[in-house]
Amino acid sequence: MIGKLIDLGFLKLSNWELLDGDLHCDFCKYANEKNILYAYVIDGQIKYIGQTVMELKQRLYGYKKPGPTQSTNIRLNELIKNVIIDGMTSPP
């Protein structure tokens, strides 16, 4: 599955880590770009595909600090944290 994404032009954009229980993301050169199509791939399986209308760093911040009514942000926040805790791999 990762090969198909790479063939479509997907690049690895960021890495997530837990620091004192909070998610932190390093940003790539595309952090200030808008209208980015992105995917979360975990252990070779696509878990989520999204598109930003805002800057990529703003969109990823929503996953880092979801609001109480932002169900997608809450779900992806938990998914990312669990992947880190479980030690799974998360390519592109």
N, C-alpha and C. Protein backbone atom coordinates (compact mmCIF):
# COMPACT_ATOMS: atom_id res chain seq x y z
N MET A 1 0.82 -1.20 0.00
CA MET A 1 0.00 0.00 0.00
C MET A 1 0.86 1.26 0.00
N ILE A 2 1.96 1.24 0.74
CA ILE A 2 2.84 2.41 0.79
C ILE A 2 3.39 2.72 -0.60
N GLY A 3 3.73 1.67 -1.33
CA GLY A 3 4.25 1.86 -2.67
C GLY A 3 3.28 2.60 -3.57
N LYS A 4 2.00 2.29 -3.43
CA LYS A 4 0.98 2.98 -4.24
C LYS A 4 0.92 4.46 -3.89
N LEU A 5 1.01 4.78 -2.60
CA LEU A 5 1.00 6.18 -2.19
C LEU A 5 2.23 6.91 -2.72
N ILE A 6 3.37 6.27 -2.64
CA ILE A 6 4.61 6.88 -3.14
C ILE A 6 4.50 7.09 -4.65
N ASP A 7 3.93 6.10 -5.36
CA ASP A 7 3.73 6.25 -6.80
C ASP A 7 2.83 7.44 -7.12
N LEU A 8 1.91 7.76 -6.22
CA LEU A 8 1.02 8.90 -6.42
C LEU A 8 1.66 10.23 -6.03
N GLY A 9 2.88 10.18 -5.47
CA GLY A 9 3.59 11.40 -5.11
C GLY A 9 3.56 11.74 -3.64
N PHE A 10 3.06 10.84 -2.79
CA PHE A 10 3.06 11.08 -1.35
C PHE A 10 4.49 11.05 -0.83
N LEU A 11 4.78 11.93 0.11
CA LEU A 11 6.09 12.01 0.77
C LEU A 11 5.89 11.91 2.27
N LYS A 12 6.91 11.47 2.97
CA LYS A 12 6.85 11.50 4.42
C LYS A 12 6.98 12.96 4.86
N LEU A 13 6.00 13.43 5.64
CA LEU A 13 5.96 14.84 5.98
C LEU A 13 6.33 15.16 7.41
N SER A 14 6.11 14.23 8.31
CA SER A 14 6.37 14.56 9.71
C SER A 14 6.56 13.30 10.54
N ASN A 15 7.04 13.51 11.74
CA ASN A 15 7.17 12.46 12.74
C ASN A 15 6.46 12.92 14.00
N TRP A 16 5.81 11.98 14.65
CA TRP A 16 5.13 12.27 15.90
C TRP A 16 5.89 11.62 17.04
N GLU A 17 5.87 12.28 18.21
CA GLU A 17 6.44 11.70 19.42
C GLU A 17 5.62 12.17 20.62
N LEU A 18 5.73 11.41 21.69
CA LEU A 18 5.08 11.79 22.95
C LEU A 18 6.12 12.39 23.88
N LEU A 19 5.86 13.58 24.36
CA LEU A 19 6.72 14.24 25.34
C LEU A 19 5.87 14.60 26.54
N ASP A 20 6.16 13.98 27.66
CA ASP A 20 5.38 14.20 28.88
C ASP A 20 3.89 13.95 28.66
N GLY A 21 3.57 12.95 27.84
CA GLY A 21 2.19 12.56 27.59
C GLY A 21 1.47 13.36 26.53
N ASP A 22 2.14 14.38 25.97
CA ASP A 22 1.52 15.21 24.93
C ASP A 22 2.16 14.91 23.57
N LEU A 23 1.34 14.95 22.54
CA LEU A 23 1.84 14.74 21.19
C LEU A 23 2.63 15.95 20.70
N HIS A 24 3.72 15.67 20.03
CA HIS A 24 4.52 16.71 19.38
C HIS A 24 4.87 16.22 17.99
N CYS A 25 4.88 17.14 17.06
CA CYS A 25 5.12 16.80 15.66
C CYS A 25 6.22 17.69 15.13
N ASP A 26 7.21 17.07 14.48
CA ASP A 26 8.18 17.90 13.78
C ASP A 26 7.59 18.21 12.41
N PHE A 27 7.90 19.35 11.89
CA PHE A 27 7.30 19.77 10.63
C PHE A 27 8.33 19.76 9.52
N CYS A 28 7.84 19.56 8.35
CA CYS A 28 8.67 19.50 7.16
C CYS A 28 8.63 20.83 6.42
N LYS A 29 9.24 20.84 5.27
CA LYS A 29 9.25 22.06 4.47
C LYS A 29 7.87 22.45 3.95
N TYR A 30 6.90 21.54 4.07
CA TYR A 30 5.55 21.81 3.59
C TYR A 30 4.61 22.32 4.70
N ALA A 31 5.14 22.64 5.85
CA ALA A 31 4.33 23.03 7.00
C ALA A 31 3.42 24.22 6.72
N ASN A 32 3.86 25.14 5.90
CA ASN A 32 3.08 26.35 5.63
C ASN A 32 2.24 26.25 4.35
N GLU A 33 2.23 25.07 3.75
CA GLU A 33 1.47 24.86 2.51
C GLU A 33 0.00 24.57 2.82
N LYS A 34 -0.87 25.01 1.93
CA LYS A 34 -2.31 24.74 2.03
C LYS A 34 -2.70 23.73 0.96
N ASN A 35 -3.90 23.17 1.12
CA ASN A 35 -4.44 22.21 0.15
C ASN A 35 -3.51 21.02 -0.07
N ILE A 36 -3.10 20.42 1.02
CA ILE A 36 -2.23 19.24 0.98
C ILE A 36 -3.08 18.00 1.21
N LEU A 37 -2.90 17.00 0.39
CA LEU A 37 -3.52 15.70 0.59
C LEU A 37 -2.54 14.86 1.39
N TYR A 38 -2.98 14.30 2.51
CA TYR A 38 -2.08 13.56 3.39
C TYR A 38 -2.74 12.27 3.84
N ALA A 39 -1.91 11.36 4.31
CA ALA A 39 -2.42 10.06 4.77
C ALA A 39 -1.66 9.63 6.00
N TYR A 40 -2.36 8.93 6.88
CA TYR A 40 -1.71 8.25 8.01
C TYR A 40 -1.65 6.78 7.65
N VAL A 41 -0.42 6.28 7.61
CA VAL A 41 -0.19 4.88 7.28
C VAL A 41 0.48 4.25 8.49
N ILE A 42 -0.11 3.16 8.96
CA ILE A 42 0.42 2.49 10.15
C ILE A 42 0.62 1.02 9.82
N ASP A 43 1.84 0.57 10.02
CA ASP A 43 2.20 -0.81 9.70
C ASP A 43 1.73 -1.22 8.31
N GLY A 44 1.93 -0.32 7.34
CA GLY A 44 1.62 -0.61 5.96
C GLY A 44 0.15 -0.47 5.58
N GLN A 45 -0.70 -0.09 6.52
CA GLN A 45 -2.13 0.05 6.26
C GLN A 45 -2.54 1.52 6.33
N ILE A 46 -3.30 1.96 5.34
CA ILE A 46 -3.81 3.33 5.37
C ILE A 46 -4.91 3.40 6.42
N LYS A 47 -4.73 4.29 7.38
CA LYS A 47 -5.72 4.47 8.45
C LYS A 47 -6.58 5.70 8.24
N TYR A 48 -6.05 6.67 7.51
CA TYR A 48 -6.80 7.91 7.31
C TYR A 48 -6.19 8.68 6.14
N ILE A 49 -7.04 9.26 5.33
CA ILE A 49 -6.61 10.18 4.28
C ILE A 49 -7.39 11.47 4.47
N GLY A 50 -6.69 12.58 4.43
CA GLY A 50 -7.34 13.87 4.61
C GLY A 50 -6.74 14.90 3.68
N GLN A 51 -7.41 16.04 3.60
CA GLN A 51 -6.91 17.16 2.82
C GLN A 51 -7.08 18.42 3.63
N THR A 52 -6.05 19.24 3.61
CA THR A 52 -6.12 20.50 4.34
C THR A 52 -6.64 21.61 3.43
N VAL A 53 -7.36 22.53 4.00
CA VAL A 53 -7.66 23.78 3.33
C VAL A 53 -6.86 24.89 4.01
N MET A 54 -6.40 24.58 5.20
CA MET A 54 -5.55 25.49 5.96
C MET A 54 -4.10 25.03 5.82
N GLU A 55 -3.19 25.73 6.46
CA GLU A 55 -1.79 25.29 6.43
C GLU A 55 -1.67 23.93 7.10
N LEU A 56 -0.75 23.11 6.59
CA LEU A 56 -0.57 21.77 7.13
C LEU A 56 -0.27 21.80 8.63
N LYS A 57 0.56 22.73 9.08
CA LYS A 57 0.90 22.79 10.51
C LYS A 57 -0.35 23.08 11.36
N GLN A 58 -1.28 23.87 10.84
CA GLN A 58 -2.51 24.15 11.57
C GLN A 58 -3.37 22.89 11.65
N ARG A 59 -3.43 22.14 10.55
CA ARG A 59 -4.24 20.92 10.54
C ARG A 59 -3.69 19.90 11.50
N LEU A 60 -2.38 19.71 11.49
CA LEU A 60 -1.77 18.74 12.39
C LEU A 60 -1.89 19.17 13.85
N TYR A 61 -1.91 20.48 14.09
CA TYR A 61 -2.12 20.96 15.45
C TYR A 61 -3.46 20.49 15.99
N GLY A 62 -4.46 20.41 15.12
CA GLY A 62 -5.77 19.90 15.54
C GLY A 62 -5.70 18.48 16.05
N TYR A 63 -4.81 17.68 15.51
CA TYR A 63 -4.64 16.31 16.00
C TYR A 63 -3.86 16.30 17.31
N LYS A 64 -2.99 17.26 17.46
CA LYS A 64 -2.19 17.38 18.69
C LYS A 64 -3.05 17.85 19.86
N LYS A 65 -3.90 18.82 19.62
CA LYS A 65 -4.73 19.43 20.67
C LYS A 65 -6.17 19.52 20.20
N PRO A 66 -6.88 18.40 20.14
CA PRO A 66 -8.26 18.44 19.63
C PRO A 66 -9.21 19.14 20.59
N GLY A 67 -10.18 19.84 20.03
CA GLY A 67 -11.24 20.44 20.83
C GLY A 67 -12.24 19.37 21.24
N PRO A 68 -13.06 19.65 22.24
CA PRO A 68 -13.98 18.64 22.78
C PRO A 68 -15.03 18.14 21.80
N THR A 69 -15.32 18.89 20.75
CA THR A 69 -16.34 18.47 19.79
C THR A 69 -15.75 18.04 18.44
N GLN A 70 -14.44 17.98 18.35
CA GLN A 70 -13.76 17.63 17.09
C GLN A 70 -13.50 16.13 17.04
N SER A 71 -14.51 15.37 16.63
CA SER A 71 -14.44 13.91 16.72
C SER A 71 -13.30 13.30 15.90
N THR A 72 -13.05 13.81 14.70
CA THR A 72 -11.95 13.27 13.89
C THR A 72 -10.61 13.57 14.56
N ASN A 73 -10.44 14.80 15.04
CA ASN A 73 -9.19 15.16 15.72
C ASN A 73 -8.98 14.32 16.97
N ILE A 74 -10.03 14.09 17.72
CA ILE A 74 -9.93 13.26 18.94
C ILE A 74 -9.54 11.84 18.57
N ARG A 75 -10.20 11.29 17.55
CA ARG A 75 -9.92 9.91 17.13
C ARG A 75 -8.48 9.76 16.65
N LEU A 76 -7.99 10.71 15.84
CA LEU A 76 -6.63 10.61 15.34
C LEU A 76 -5.60 10.90 16.43
N ASN A 77 -5.92 11.76 17.37
CA ASN A 77 -5.04 12.00 18.51
C ASN A 77 -4.82 10.69 19.26
N GLU A 78 -5.90 9.97 19.54
CA GLU A 78 -5.80 8.69 20.25
C GLU A 78 -5.05 7.66 19.41
N LEU A 79 -5.32 7.62 18.12
CA LEU A 79 -4.65 6.67 17.24
C LEU A 79 -3.15 6.92 17.22
N ILE A 80 -2.74 8.15 17.05
CA ILE A 80 -1.32 8.49 17.00
C ILE A 80 -0.64 8.15 18.32
N LYS A 81 -1.27 8.51 19.44
CA LYS A 81 -0.71 8.19 20.75
C LYS A 81 -0.55 6.68 20.93
N ASN A 82 -1.58 5.92 20.55
CA ASN A 82 -1.52 4.47 20.70
C ASN A 82 -0.42 3.85 19.84
N VAL A 83 -0.24 4.37 18.64
CA VAL A 83 0.83 3.87 17.77
C VAL A 83 2.19 4.10 18.42
N ILE A 84 2.38 5.27 18.97
CA ILE A 84 3.66 5.57 19.63
C ILE A 84 3.86 4.68 20.84
N ILE A 85 2.84 4.56 21.66
CA ILE A 85 2.93 3.75 22.87
C ILE A 85 3.18 2.28 22.55
N ASP A 86 2.48 1.77 21.53
CA ASP A 86 2.62 0.36 21.14
C ASP A 86 3.88 0.08 20.34
N GLY A 87 4.58 1.15 19.93
CA GLY A 87 5.84 0.97 19.20
C GLY A 87 5.66 0.52 17.77
N MET A 88 4.49 0.79 17.19
CA MET A 88 4.29 0.45 15.79
C MET A 88 5.03 1.42 14.90
N THR A 89 5.19 1.05 13.67
CA THR A 89 5.85 1.94 12.72
C THR A 89 4.81 2.77 12.00
N SER A 90 5.21 3.96 11.60
CA SER A 90 4.27 4.84 10.87
C SER A 90 4.97 5.51 9.70
N PRO A 91 5.19 4.78 8.61
CA PRO A 91 5.78 5.39 7.43
C PRO A 91 4.85 6.43 6.81
N PRO A 92 5.29 7.09 5.73
CA PRO A 92 4.65 8.29 5.21
C PRO A 92 3.40 8.60 5.92
